[in-house]
Amino acid sequence: MMVLIIAASVGICVAAIIGAVAVMLRGDETSVAEDRLSTLTAKSRKDIDGVDSNALTFRNPLEGTANVLEEWMTRQFNMKVMLEQAGIKMPLSKFALMCSGMAGLGTIGCLFAPIPFFIAPIVGVTLFFLPFFWVSMMKKKRIGKFNQQLPEALEMLSRSLRAGHSLGAGFGLIAEEMPDPLAREFGRCFEEQNFGVSLEQSLESMTQRIPNLDLRFFATAVILQRQTGGDLAEILDKIGNLVRARYRLAGQIQALTGEGRLSGIVLLALPPGLFTAMLFLNKDYVMKLFTDPMGQWLLGGAIVMQFLGALVIRKIIDIKV
């Protein structure tokens, strides 16, 4: 009975810690500048006779209502938006099925494997949240690539305006000449304008799909220029120079924090590596962690401390520019 209580406690702790890490990776907190830019670019959702504009999205009639798991993912992690930001063309129902399937197969496999049974819920919870981390990494990679392409796109848009093209034609030129993901986002904005969506609303949608502070600067500059006037080409040149300067600063910070990241990787990989080595060298010595009650408590405490250490190291090396 005591073993079951210990196993359940360890599983709950690991699930809570993994959930906290996933919430932190989502990045709910925004800076003061982002809040001000959001206020400037925000528009009412109810555009047409009090009807929610998001409700006008075309839906597949074969799709049923969202189940409890999909609603939980949408409410807690906003997974529909994250999948779109990561550029993953996968419906939320399929993503939820993949998470549940991986967790179920991992748990069943551990129950039939010659390992202690209380490891099964830990493996199941870990495999359930593993796609979340994959989506988060894909989102980060895509947004990072977008950041690298943005200065060149702003300069191209500035040159097209000086050549006499309209702003919408400049968006179309970027969609044709630039690679993805920037070409896809600007092309989508261009297509929305062709279908009658206002420029302000299409820019707002793009800033929601790409949570980038520099892109918000661009959207705010365009909206204010349309309202007050001014030389938009010169404004875009200045924003492009600002983005390049921020990118250089971020690269310098990345280089300076490289030692901390390497130290974190070594410290986090050392306990599992040592456990694996001892498992081959002296299996009876290591199995005390699974058979002895004190060893089970120590193993659970070690897992919890590993995740807490990962959070602390991540906080230390995560410097926002």
C-alpha atoms as a PDB file:
ATOM      1  CA  MET A   1       0.000   0.000   0.000  1.00  0.00           C
ATOM      2  CA  MET A   2       2.846   2.349   0.844  1.00  0.00           C
ATOM      3  CA  VAL A   3       4.415   1.670  -2.544  1.00  0.00           C
ATOM      4  CA  LEU A   4       1.183   2.666  -4.309  1.00  0.00           C
ATOM      5  CA  ILE A   5       0.981   5.916  -2.345  1.00  0.00           C
ATOM      6  CA  ILE A   6       4.603   6.732  -3.184  1.00  0.00           C
ATOM      7  CA  ALA A   7       4.057   5.962  -6.875  1.00  0.00           C
ATOM      8  CA  ALA A   8       0.924   8.111  -7.030  1.00  0.00           C
ATOM      9  CA  SER A   9       2.664  10.986  -5.238  1.00  0.00           C
ATOM     10  CA  VAL A  10       5.647  10.887  -7.585  1.00  0.00           C
ATOM     11  CA  GLY A  11       3.357  10.785 -10.634  1.00  0.00           C
ATOM     12  CA  ILE A  12       1.320  13.765  -9.439  1.00  0.00           C
ATOM     13  CA  CYS A  13       4.454  15.792  -8.672  1.00  0.00           C
ATOM     14  CA  VAL A  14       5.995  15.060 -12.059  1.00  0.00           C
ATOM     15  CA  ALA A  15       2.735  15.926 -13.854  1.00  0.00           C
ATOM     16  CA  ALA A  16       2.445  19.213 -11.982  1.00  0.00           C
ATOM     17  CA  ILE A  17       6.044  20.175 -12.707  1.00  0.00           C
ATOM     18  CA  ILE A  18       5.789  19.283 -16.410  1.00  0.00           C
ATOM     19  CA  GLY A  19       2.570  21.273 -16.636  1.00  0.00           C
ATOM     20  CA  ALA A  20       4.265  24.255 -15.016  1.00  0.00           C
ATOM     21  CA  VAL A  21       7.147  24.037 -17.487  1.00  0.00           C
ATOM     22  CA  ALA A  22       4.714  23.907 -20.402  1.00  0.00           C
ATOM     23  CA  VAL A  23       2.850  26.948 -19.106  1.00  0.00           C
ATOM     24  CA  MET A  24       6.138  28.821 -18.736  1.00  0.00           C
ATOM     25  CA  LEU A  25       7.100  27.903 -22.291  1.00  0.00           C
ATOM     26  CA  ARG A  26       3.824  29.373 -23.487  1.00  0.00           C
ATOM     27  CA  GLY A  27       4.941  32.812 -22.322  1.00  0.00           C
ATOM     28  CA  ASP A  28       1.855  34.528 -20.901  1.00  0.00           C
ATOM     29  CA  GLU A  29       3.709  37.542 -19.547  1.00  0.00           C
ATOM     30  CA  THR A  30       4.304  40.454 -21.892  1.00  0.00           C
ATOM     31  CA  SER A  31       6.434  43.516 -21.547  1.00  0.00           C
ATOM     32  CA  VAL A  32       5.118  47.047 -21.089  1.00  0.00           C
ATOM     33  CA  ALA A  33       5.990  47.913 -24.679  1.00  0.00           C
ATOM     34  CA  GLU A  34       4.067  44.896 -25.963  1.00  0.00           C
ATOM     35  CA  ASP A  35       1.034  45.854 -23.871  1.00  0.00           C
ATOM     36  CA  ARG A  36       1.082  49.402 -25.237  1.00  0.00           C
ATOM     37  CA  LEU A  37       1.461  48.198 -28.814  1.00  0.00           C
ATOM     38  CA  SER A  38      -1.379  45.729 -28.288  1.00  0.00           C
ATOM     39  CA  THR A  39      -3.560  48.565 -27.037  1.00  0.00           C
ATOM     40  CA  LEU A  40      -2.753  50.685 -30.088  1.00  0.00           C
ATOM     41  CA  THR A  41      -3.339  47.911 -32.603  1.00  0.00           C
ATOM     42  CA  ALA A  42      -6.284  46.264 -30.860  1.00  0.00           C
ATOM     43  CA  LYS A  43      -9.631  46.336 -32.602  1.00  0.00           C
ATOM     44  CA  SER A  44     -13.038  45.176 -31.588  1.00  0.00           C
ATOM     45  CA  ARG A  45     -13.787  41.521 -32.279  1.00  0.00           C
ATOM     46  CA  LYS A  46     -17.415  42.234 -32.995  1.00  0.00           C
ATOM     47  CA  ASP A  47     -17.138  43.962 -36.337  1.00  0.00           C
ATOM     48  CA  ILE A  48     -20.345  43.036 -38.116  1.00  0.00           C
ATOM     49  CA  ASP A  49     -23.576  43.863 -36.260  1.00  0.00           C
ATOM     50  CA  GLY A  50     -22.202  42.640 -32.961  1.00  0.00           C
ATOM     51  CA  VAL A  51     -21.214  39.249 -34.404  1.00  0.00           C
ATOM     52  CA  ASP A  52     -17.875  37.806 -33.363  1.00  0.00           C
ATOM     53  CA  SER A  53     -15.548  37.970 -36.368  1.00  0.00           C
ATOM     54  CA  ASN A  54     -13.814  34.790 -35.276  1.00  0.00           C
ATOM     55  CA  ALA A  55     -17.166  32.989 -35.544  1.00  0.00           C
ATOM     56  CA  LEU A  56     -17.203  33.711 -39.287  1.00  0.00           C
ATOM     57  CA  THR A  57     -14.352  31.282 -39.899  1.00  0.00           C
ATOM     58  CA  PHE A  58     -15.333  28.506 -42.275  1.00  0.00           C
ATOM     59  CA  ARG A  59     -15.595  25.149 -40.543  1.00  0.00           C
ATOM     60  CA  ASN A  60     -15.734  21.627 -41.825  1.00  0.00           C
ATOM     61  CA  PRO A  61     -19.292  20.324 -41.300  1.00  0.00           C
ATOM     62  CA  LEU A  62     -17.870  16.826 -40.687  1.00  0.00           C
ATOM     63  CA  GLU A  63     -15.980  18.023 -37.630  1.00  0.00           C
ATOM     64  CA  GLY A  64     -17.792  17.371 -34.383  1.00  0.00           C
ATOM     65  CA  THR A  65     -17.760  19.428 -31.246  1.00  0.00           C
ATOM     66  CA  ALA A  66     -14.559  19.622 -29.258  1.00  0.00           C
ATOM     67  CA  ASN A  67     -14.193  17.024 -26.539  1.00  0.00           C
ATOM     68  CA  VAL A  68     -13.060  17.682 -22.993  1.00  0.00           C
ATOM     69  CA  LEU A  69      -9.375  17.128 -23.782  1.00  0.00           C
ATOM     70  CA  GLU A  70      -9.448  19.572 -26.708  1.00  0.00           C
ATOM     71  CA  GLU A  71     -11.240  22.174 -24.606  1.00  0.00           C
ATOM     72  CA  TRP A  72      -8.643  21.742 -21.849  1.00  0.00           C
ATOM     73  CA  MET A  73      -5.791  22.155 -24.338  1.00  0.00           C
ATOM     74  CA  THR A  74      -7.412  25.258 -25.809  1.00  0.00           C
ATOM     75  CA  ARG A  75      -8.132  26.811 -22.423  1.00  0.00           C
ATOM     76  CA  GLN A  76      -4.835  26.027 -20.699  1.00  0.00           C
ATOM     77  CA  PHE A  77      -2.300  26.118 -23.545  1.00  0.00           C
ATOM     78  CA  ASN A  78      -4.151  27.791 -26.442  1.00  0.00           C
ATOM     79  CA  MET A  79      -3.004  24.922 -28.621  1.00  0.00           C
ATOM     80  CA  LYS A  80      -4.913  25.966 -31.753  1.00  0.00           C
ATOM     81  CA  VAL A  81      -2.937  29.191 -31.874  1.00  0.00           C
ATOM     82  CA  MET A  82       0.322  27.439 -30.985  1.00  0.00           C
ATOM     83  CA  LEU A  83      -0.112  24.931 -33.807  1.00  0.00           C
ATOM     84  CA  GLU A  84      -0.717  27.768 -36.243  1.00  0.00           C
ATOM     85  CA  GLN A  85       2.260  29.734 -34.912  1.00  0.00           C
ATOM     86  CA  ALA A  86       4.463  26.653 -35.275  1.00  0.00           C
ATOM     87  CA  GLY A  87       3.336  26.192 -38.880  1.00  0.00           C
ATOM     88  CA  ILE A  88       2.008  22.686 -38.147  1.00  0.00           C
ATOM     89  CA  LYS A  89      -0.994  21.815 -40.316  1.00  0.00           C
ATOM     90  CA  MET A  90      -2.684  19.511 -37.839  1.00  0.00           C
ATOM     91  CA  PRO A  91      -6.173  19.799 -36.357  1.00  0.00           C
ATOM     92  CA  LEU A  92      -6.406  19.963 -32.596  1.00  0.00           C
ATOM     93  CA  SER A  93      -8.371  16.712 -32.471  1.00  0.00           C
ATOM     94  CA  LYS A  94      -5.528  14.836 -34.166  1.00  0.00           C
ATOM     95  CA  PHE A  95      -2.977  16.456 -31.845  1.00  0.00           C
ATOM     96  CA  ALA A  96      -5.001  15.449 -28.771  1.00  0.00           C
ATOM     97  CA  LEU A  97      -5.317  11.907 -30.123  1.00  0.00           C
ATOM     98  CA  MET A  98      -1.546  11.760 -30.679  1.00  0.00           C
ATOM     99  CA  CYS A  99      -0.836  12.897 -27.093  1.00  0.00           C
ATOM    100  CA  SER A 100      -3.311  10.405 -25.624  1.00  0.00           C
ATOM    101  CA  GLY A 101      -2.022   7.575 -27.801  1.00  0.00           C
ATOM    102  CA  MET A 102       1.612   8.174 -26.857  1.00  0.00           C
ATOM    103  CA  ALA A 103       0.718   8.332 -23.155  1.00  0.00           C
ATOM    104  CA  GLY A 104      -1.388   5.165 -23.343  1.00  0.00           C
ATOM    105  CA  LEU A 105       1.179   3.140 -25.285  1.00  0.00           C
ATOM    106  CA  GLY A 106       3.998   4.285 -23.000  1.00  0.00           C
ATOM    107  CA  THR A 107       2.060   3.352 -19.868  1.00  0.00           C
ATOM    108  CA  ILE A 108       1.026  -0.067 -21.220  1.00  0.00           C
ATOM    109  CA  GLY A 109       4.569  -0.759 -22.399  1.00  0.00           C
ATOM    110  CA  CYS A 110       5.967   0.006 -18.939  1.00  0.00           C
ATOM    111  CA  LEU A 111       3.413  -2.300 -17.309  1.00  0.00           C
ATOM    112  CA  PHE A 112       4.570  -5.222 -19.463  1.00  0.00           C
ATOM    113  CA  ALA A 113       8.277  -4.345 -19.234  1.00  0.00           C
ATOM    114  CA  PRO A 114      10.478  -5.777 -16.448  1.00  0.00           C
ATOM    115  CA  ILE A 115      10.648  -2.485 -14.555  1.00  0.00           C
ATOM    116  CA  PRO A 116       8.945  -1.239 -11.376  1.00  0.00           C
ATOM    117  CA  PHE A 117       5.262  -0.555 -12.002  1.00  0.00           C
ATOM    118  CA  PHE A 118       5.269   2.938 -10.460  1.00  0.00           C
ATOM    119  CA  ILE A 119       7.422   4.193 -13.344  1.00  0.00           C
ATOM    120  CA  ALA A 120       4.457   3.679 -15.728  1.00  0.00           C
ATOM    121  CA  PRO A 121       2.514   6.856 -14.749  1.00  0.00           C
ATOM    122  CA  ILE A 122       5.717   8.910 -14.921  1.00  0.00           C
ATOM    123  CA  VAL A 123       6.449   7.656 -18.431  1.00  0.00           C
ATOM    124  CA  GLY A 124       2.812   8.175 -19.452  1.00  0.00           C
ATOM    125  CA  VAL A 125       2.719  11.788 -18.259  1.00  0.00           C
ATOM    126  CA  THR A 126       6.085  12.517 -19.883  1.00  0.00           C
ATOM    127  CA  LEU A 127       4.995  11.081 -23.236  1.00  0.00           C
ATOM    128  CA  PHE A 128       1.687  12.972 -23.033  1.00  0.00           C
ATOM    129  CA  PHE A 129       3.449  16.340 -22.737  1.00  0.00           C
ATOM    130  CA  LEU A 130       6.251  15.466 -25.173  1.00  0.00           C
ATOM    131  CA  PRO A 131       4.290  16.765 -28.241  1.00  0.00           C
ATOM    132  CA  PHE A 132       3.726  20.041 -26.380  1.00  0.00           C
ATOM    133  CA  PHE A 133       7.470  20.584 -26.160  1.00  0.00           C
ATOM    134  CA  TRP A 134       7.832  19.603 -29.822  1.00  0.00           C
ATOM    135  CA  VAL A 135       5.241  22.212 -30.846  1.00  0.00           C
ATOM    136  CA  SER A 136       6.935  24.797 -28.620  1.00  0.00           C
ATOM    137  CA  MET A 137      10.315  24.130 -30.226  1.00  0.00           C
ATOM    138  CA  MET A 138       8.842  24.300 -33.739  1.00  0.00           C
ATOM    139  CA  LYS A 139       7.125  27.577 -32.840  1.00  0.00           C
ATOM    140  CA  LYS A 140      10.346  29.030 -31.457  1.00  0.00           C
ATOM    141  CA  LYS A 141      12.300  27.917 -34.542  1.00  0.00           C
ATOM    142  CA  ARG A 142       9.743  29.374 -36.941  1.00  0.00           C
ATOM    143  CA  ILE A 143       9.492  32.700 -35.136  1.00  0.00           C
ATOM    144  CA  GLY A 144      13.290  32.906 -34.935  1.00  0.00           C
ATOM    145  CA  LYS A 145      13.530  32.403 -38.689  1.00  0.00           C
ATOM    146  CA  PHE A 146      10.850  35.057 -39.175  1.00  0.00           C
ATOM    147  CA  ASN A 147      12.886  37.479 -37.049  1.00  0.00           C
ATOM    148  CA  GLN A 148      15.941  36.956 -39.245  1.00  0.00           C
ATOM    149  CA  GLN A 149      13.959  37.650 -42.422  1.00  0.00           C
ATOM    150  CA  LEU A 150      12.029  40.677 -41.128  1.00  0.00           C
ATOM    151  CA  PRO A 151      14.717  43.397 -41.606  1.00  0.00           C
ATOM    152  CA  GLU A 152      15.272  42.417 -45.239  1.00  0.00           C
ATOM    153  CA  ALA A 153      11.514  42.364 -45.837  1.00  0.00           C
ATOM    154  CA  LEU A 154      11.104  45.854 -44.356  1.00  0.00           C
ATOM    155  CA  GLU A 155      13.880  47.178 -46.593  1.00  0.00           C
ATOM    156  CA  MET A 156      12.263  45.560 -49.636  1.00  0.00           C
ATOM    157  CA  LEU A 157       8.916  47.087 -48.706  1.00  0.00           C
ATOM    158  CA  SER A 158      10.557  50.499 -48.266  1.00  0.00           C
ATOM    159  CA  ARG A 159      12.183  50.269 -51.712  1.00  0.00           C
ATOM    160  CA  SER A 160       8.891  49.235 -53.304  1.00  0.00           C
ATOM    161  CA  LEU A 161       7.154  52.261 -51.760  1.00  0.00           C
ATOM    162  CA  ARG A 162       9.866  54.576 -53.093  1.00  0.00           C
ATOM    163  CA  ALA A 163       9.415  52.986 -56.526  1.00  0.00           C
ATOM    164  CA  GLY A 164       5.760  54.004 -56.502  1.00  0.00           C
ATOM    165  CA  HIS A 165       4.057  50.753 -55.495  1.00  0.00           C
ATOM    166  CA  SER A 166       1.237  50.670 -52.981  1.00  0.00           C
ATOM    167  CA  LEU A 167       1.577  49.049 -49.571  1.00  0.00           C
ATOM    168  CA  GLY A 168      -0.573  46.092 -50.621  1.00  0.00           C
ATOM    169  CA  ALA A 169       1.534  45.574 -53.751  1.00  0.00           C
ATOM    170  CA  GLY A 170       4.614  45.636 -51.527  1.00  0.00           C
ATOM    171  CA  PHE A 171       3.130  42.819 -49.433  1.00  0.00           C
ATOM    172  CA  GLY A 172       2.570  40.829 -52.609  1.00  0.00           C
ATOM    173  CA  LEU A 173       6.153  41.450 -53.711  1.00  0.00           C
ATOM    174  CA  ILE A 174       7.457  40.164 -50.350  1.00  0.00           C
ATOM    175  CA  ALA A 175       5.264  37.070 -50.687  1.00  0.00           C
ATOM    176  CA  GLU A 176       6.775  36.348 -54.115  1.00  0.00           C
ATOM    177  CA  GLU A 177      10.428  37.128 -53.435  1.00  0.00           C
ATOM    178  CA  MET A 178      11.022  36.138 -49.811  1.00  0.00           C
ATOM    179  CA  PRO A 179      11.187  32.546 -48.481  1.00  0.00           C
ATOM    180  CA  ASP A 180       8.895  31.029 -45.870  1.00  0.00           C
ATOM    181  CA  PRO A 181       7.735  31.613 -43.177  1.00  0.00           C
ATOM    182  CA  LEU A 182       7.784  35.364 -43.844  1.00  0.00           C
ATOM    183  CA  ALA A 183       6.476  34.993 -47.409  1.00  0.00           C
ATOM    184  CA  ARG A 184       3.569  32.884 -46.190  1.00  0.00           C
ATOM    185  CA  GLU A 185       2.505  35.400 -43.533  1.00  0.00           C
ATOM    186  CA  PHE A 186       2.774  38.475 -45.764  1.00  0.00           C
ATOM    187  CA  GLY A 187       1.119  36.568 -48.592  1.00  0.00           C
ATOM    188  CA  ARG A 188      -1.761  35.691 -46.314  1.00  0.00           C
ATOM    189  CA  CYS A 189      -2.069  39.346 -45.318  1.00  0.00           C
ATOM    190  CA  PHE A 190      -2.058  40.301 -49.018  1.00  0.00           C
ATOM    191  CA  GLU A 191      -4.764  37.743 -49.837  1.00  0.00           C
ATOM    192  CA  GLU A 192      -6.933  38.931 -46.950  1.00  0.00           C
ATOM    193  CA  GLN A 193      -6.838  42.476 -48.346  1.00  0.00           C
ATOM    194  CA  ASN A 194      -7.807  41.163 -51.779  1.00  0.00           C
ATOM    195  CA  PHE A 195     -10.851  39.525 -50.190  1.00  0.00           C
ATOM    196  CA  GLY A 196     -11.943  42.806 -48.626  1.00  0.00           C
ATOM    197  CA  VAL A 197     -10.400  42.623 -45.148  1.00  0.00           C
ATOM    198  CA  SER A 198      -9.078  45.969 -43.954  1.00  0.00           C
ATOM    199  CA  LEU A 199      -5.343  46.498 -43.676  1.00  0.00           C
ATOM    200  CA  GLU A 200      -5.586  47.164 -39.935  1.00  0.00           C
ATOM    201  CA  GLN A 201      -7.416  43.903 -39.302  1.00  0.00           C
ATOM    202  CA  SER A 202      -5.089  41.841 -41.480  1.00  0.00           C
ATOM    203  CA  LEU A 203      -2.042  43.295 -39.710  1.00  0.00           C
ATOM    204  CA  GLU A 204      -3.624  42.553 -36.360  1.00  0.00           C
ATOM    205  CA  SER A 205      -4.207  38.942 -37.399  1.00  0.00           C
ATOM    206  CA  MET A 206      -0.586  38.627 -38.506  1.00  0.00           C
ATOM    207  CA  THR A 207       0.700  39.974 -35.171  1.00  0.00           C
ATOM    208  CA  GLN A 208      -1.425  37.372 -33.410  1.00  0.00           C
ATOM    209  CA  ARG A 209      -0.027  34.560 -35.548  1.00  0.00           C
ATOM    210  CA  ILE A 210       3.549  35.829 -35.059  1.00  0.00           C
ATOM    211  CA  PRO A 211       4.044  37.070 -31.468  1.00  0.00           C
ATOM    212  CA  ASN A 212       6.986  39.302 -32.351  1.00  0.00           C
ATOM    213  CA  LEU A 213       7.621  42.710 -30.783  1.00  0.00           C
ATOM    214  CA  ASP A 214       9.356  44.010 -33.923  1.00  0.00           C
ATOM    215  CA  LEU A 215       6.377  43.003 -36.053  1.00  0.00           C
ATOM    216  CA  ARG A 216       4.123  44.890 -33.659  1.00  0.00           C
ATOM    217  CA  PHE A 217       6.307  47.953 -34.124  1.00  0.00           C
ATOM    218  CA  PHE A 218       5.817  47.593 -37.878  1.00  0.00           C
ATOM    219  CA  ALA A 219       2.034  47.126 -37.605  1.00  0.00           C
ATOM    220  CA  THR A 220       1.694  50.101 -35.261  1.00  0.00           C
ATOM    221  CA  ALA A 221       3.795  52.303 -37.553  1.00  0.00           C
ATOM    222  CA  VAL A 222       1.683  51.406 -40.593  1.00  0.00           C
ATOM    223  CA  ILE A 223      -1.607  52.011 -38.761  1.00  0.00           C
ATOM    224  CA  LEU A 224      -0.463  55.350 -37.330  1.00  0.00           C
ATOM    225  CA  GLN A 225       0.926  56.465 -40.710  1.00  0.00           C
ATOM    226  CA  ARG A 226      -2.430  55.755 -42.363  1.00  0.00           C
ATOM    227  CA  GLN A 227      -4.165  57.846 -39.705  1.00  0.00           C
ATOM    228  CA  THR A 228      -1.734  60.760 -39.388  1.00  0.00           C
ATOM    229  CA  GLY A 229       0.349  60.679 -42.588  1.00  0.00           C
ATOM    230  CA  GLY A 230       4.114  60.786 -43.039  1.00  0.00           C
ATOM    231  CA  ASP A 231       6.917  59.146 -44.966  1.00  0.00           C
ATOM    232  CA  LEU A 232       6.277  55.432 -44.449  1.00  0.00           C
ATOM    233  CA  ALA A 233       9.414  54.418 -46.375  1.00  0.00           C
ATOM    234  CA  GLU A 234      11.643  56.326 -43.966  1.00  0.00           C
ATOM    235  CA  ILE A 235       9.786  54.859 -40.990  1.00  0.00           C
ATOM    236  CA  LEU A 236      10.310  51.339 -42.343  1.00  0.00           C
ATOM    237  CA  ASP A 237      14.040  52.006 -42.814  1.00  0.00           C
ATOM    238  CA  LYS A 238      14.329  53.078 -39.184  1.00  0.00           C
ATOM    239  CA  ILE A 239      12.387  50.057 -37.960  1.00  0.00           C
ATOM    240  CA  GLY A 240      14.615  47.791 -40.072  1.00  0.00           C
ATOM    241  CA  ASN A 241      17.742  49.302 -38.524  1.00  0.00           C
ATOM    242  CA  LEU A 242      16.205  48.891 -35.066  1.00  0.00           C
ATOM    243  CA  VAL A 243      15.417  45.238 -35.732  1.00  0.00           C
ATOM    244  CA  ARG A 244      18.967  44.586 -36.932  1.00  0.00           C
ATOM    245  CA  ALA A 245      20.397  46.242 -33.825  1.00  0.00           C
ATOM    246  CA  ARG A 246      18.135  44.171 -31.559  1.00  0.00           C
ATOM    247  CA  TYR A 247      19.131  41.016 -33.419  1.00  0.00           C
ATOM    248  CA  ARG A 248      22.844  41.791 -32.991  1.00  0.00           C
ATOM    249  CA  LEU A 249      22.306  42.414 -29.277  1.00  0.00           C
ATOM    250  CA  ALA A 250      20.418  39.136 -28.948  1.00  0.00           C
ATOM    251  CA  GLY A 251      23.323  37.334 -30.631  1.00  0.00           C
ATOM    252  CA  GLN A 252      25.796  38.866 -28.194  1.00  0.00           C
ATOM    253  CA  ILE A 253      23.635  37.787 -25.248  1.00  0.00           C
ATOM    254  CA  GLN A 254      23.386  34.316 -26.751  1.00  0.00           C
ATOM    255  CA  ALA A 255      27.171  34.108 -26.896  1.00  0.00           C
ATOM    256  CA  LEU A 256      27.651  35.416 -23.348  1.00  0.00           C
ATOM    257  CA  THR A 257      25.142  32.968 -21.878  1.00  0.00           C
ATOM    258  CA  GLY A 258      26.575  29.990 -23.774  1.00  0.00           C
ATOM    259  CA  GLU A 259      28.606  28.871 -20.752  1.00  0.00           C
ATOM    260  CA  GLY A 260      25.496  28.883 -18.551  1.00  0.00           C
ATOM    261  CA  ARG A 261      23.524  26.840 -21.084  1.00  0.00           C
ATOM    262  CA  LEU A 262      26.331  24.311 -21.408  1.00  0.00           C
ATOM    263  CA  SER A 263      26.586  24.047 -17.622  1.00  0.00           C
ATOM    264  CA  GLY A 264      22.846  23.446 -17.409  1.00  0.00           C
ATOM    265  CA  ILE A 265      22.997  20.692 -20.034  1.00  0.00           C
ATOM    266  CA  VAL A 266      25.870  18.956 -18.229  1.00  0.00           C
ATOM    267  CA  LEU A 267      24.227  19.208 -14.800  1.00  0.00           C
ATOM    268  CA  LEU A 268      20.890  17.922 -16.083  1.00  0.00           C
ATOM    269  CA  ALA A 269      22.431  15.073 -18.099  1.00  0.00           C
ATOM    270  CA  LEU A 270      24.857  13.936 -15.382  1.00  0.00           C
ATOM    271  CA  PRO A 271      22.373  12.108 -13.064  1.00  0.00           C
ATOM    272  CA  PRO A 272      20.668  10.083 -15.848  1.00  0.00           C
ATOM    273  CA  GLY A 273      24.054   9.302 -17.376  1.00  0.00           C
ATOM    274  CA  LEU A 274      25.477   8.157 -14.064  1.00  0.00           C
ATOM    275  CA  PHE A 275      22.352   6.076 -13.405  1.00  0.00           C
ATOM    276  CA  THR A 276      22.712   4.353 -16.790  1.00  0.00           C
ATOM    277  CA  ALA A 277      26.400   3.645 -16.210  1.00  0.00           C
ATOM    278  CA  MET A 278      25.754   2.184 -12.751  1.00  0.00           C
ATOM    279  CA  LEU A 279      22.897   0.100 -14.154  1.00  0.00           C
ATOM    280  CA  PHE A 280      25.402  -1.736 -16.372  1.00  0.00           C
ATOM    281  CA  LEU A 281      28.216  -1.826 -13.810  1.00  0.00           C
ATOM    282  CA  ASN A 282      26.312  -2.774 -10.653  1.00  0.00           C
ATOM    283  CA  LYS A 283      22.632  -3.465 -11.275  1.00  0.00           C
ATOM    284  CA  ASP A 284      21.868  -4.698  -7.754  1.00  0.00           C
ATOM    285  CA  TYR A 285      23.188  -1.468  -6.274  1.00  0.00           C
ATOM    286  CA  VAL A 286      21.020   0.697  -8.512  1.00  0.00           C
ATOM    287  CA  MET A 287      17.866  -1.414  -8.048  1.00  0.00           C
ATOM    288  CA  LYS A 288      17.826  -0.384  -4.376  1.00  0.00           C
ATOM    289  CA  LEU A 289      16.266   2.842  -5.615  1.00  0.00           C
ATOM    290  CA  PHE A 290      13.235   0.841  -6.808  1.00  0.00           C
ATOM    291  CA  THR A 291      12.952  -1.921  -4.198  1.00  0.00           C
ATOM    292  CA  ASP A 292      13.832  -0.098  -0.972  1.00  0.00           C
ATOM    293  CA  PRO A 293      11.224   2.401   0.366  1.00  0.00           C
ATOM    294  CA  MET A 294      13.887   4.978   1.189  1.00  0.00           C
ATOM    295  CA  GLY A 295      15.346   4.547  -2.297  1.00  0.00           C
ATOM    296  CA  GLN A 296      11.930   5.220  -3.839  1.00  0.00           C
ATOM    297  CA  TRP A 297      11.605   8.452  -1.863  1.00  0.00           C
ATOM    298  CA  LEU A 298      15.111   9.478  -2.935  1.00  0.00           C
ATOM    299  CA  LEU A 299      14.332   8.685  -6.568  1.00  0.00           C
ATOM    300  CA  GLY A 300      11.137  10.751  -6.481  1.00  0.00           C
ATOM    301  CA  GLY A 301      12.964  13.630  -4.796  1.00  0.00           C
ATOM    302  CA  ALA A 302      15.738  13.457  -7.403  1.00  0.00           C
ATOM    303  CA  ILE A 303      13.230  13.727 -10.275  1.00  0.00           C
ATOM    304  CA  VAL A 304      11.535  16.707  -8.659  1.00  0.00           C
ATOM    305  CA  MET A 305      14.869  18.427  -8.018  1.00  0.00           C
ATOM    306  CA  GLN A 306      15.912  17.832 -11.624  1.00  0.00           C
ATOM    307  CA  PHE A 307      12.888  19.735 -12.916  1.00  0.00           C
ATOM    308  CA  LEU A 308      13.304  22.507 -10.364  1.00  0.00           C
ATOM    309  CA  GLY A 309      16.956  22.857 -11.351  1.00  0.00           C
ATOM    310  CA  ALA A 310      15.985  23.045 -15.025  1.00  0.00           C
ATOM    311  CA  LEU A 311      13.538  25.866 -14.250  1.00  0.00           C
ATOM    312  CA  VAL A 312      16.116  27.806 -12.230  1.00  0.00           C
ATOM    313  CA  ILE A 313      18.818  27.470 -14.898  1.00  0.00           C
ATOM    314  CA  ARG A 314      16.346  28.508 -17.589  1.00  0.00           C
ATOM    315  CA  LYS A 315      15.416  31.610 -15.608  1.00  0.00           C
ATOM    316  CA  ILE A 316      19.076  32.554 -15.176  1.00  0.00           C
ATOM    317  CA  ILE A 317      20.040  32.312 -18.840  1.00  0.00           C
ATOM    318  CA  ASP A 318      16.762  33.671 -20.281  1.00  0.00           C
ATOM    319  CA  ILE A 319      17.537  37.386 -20.839  1.00  0.00           C
ATOM    320  CA  LYS A 320      14.892  39.271 -22.774  1.00  0.00           C
ATOM    321  CA  VAL A 321      16.074  41.856 -25.304  1.00  0.00           C
END
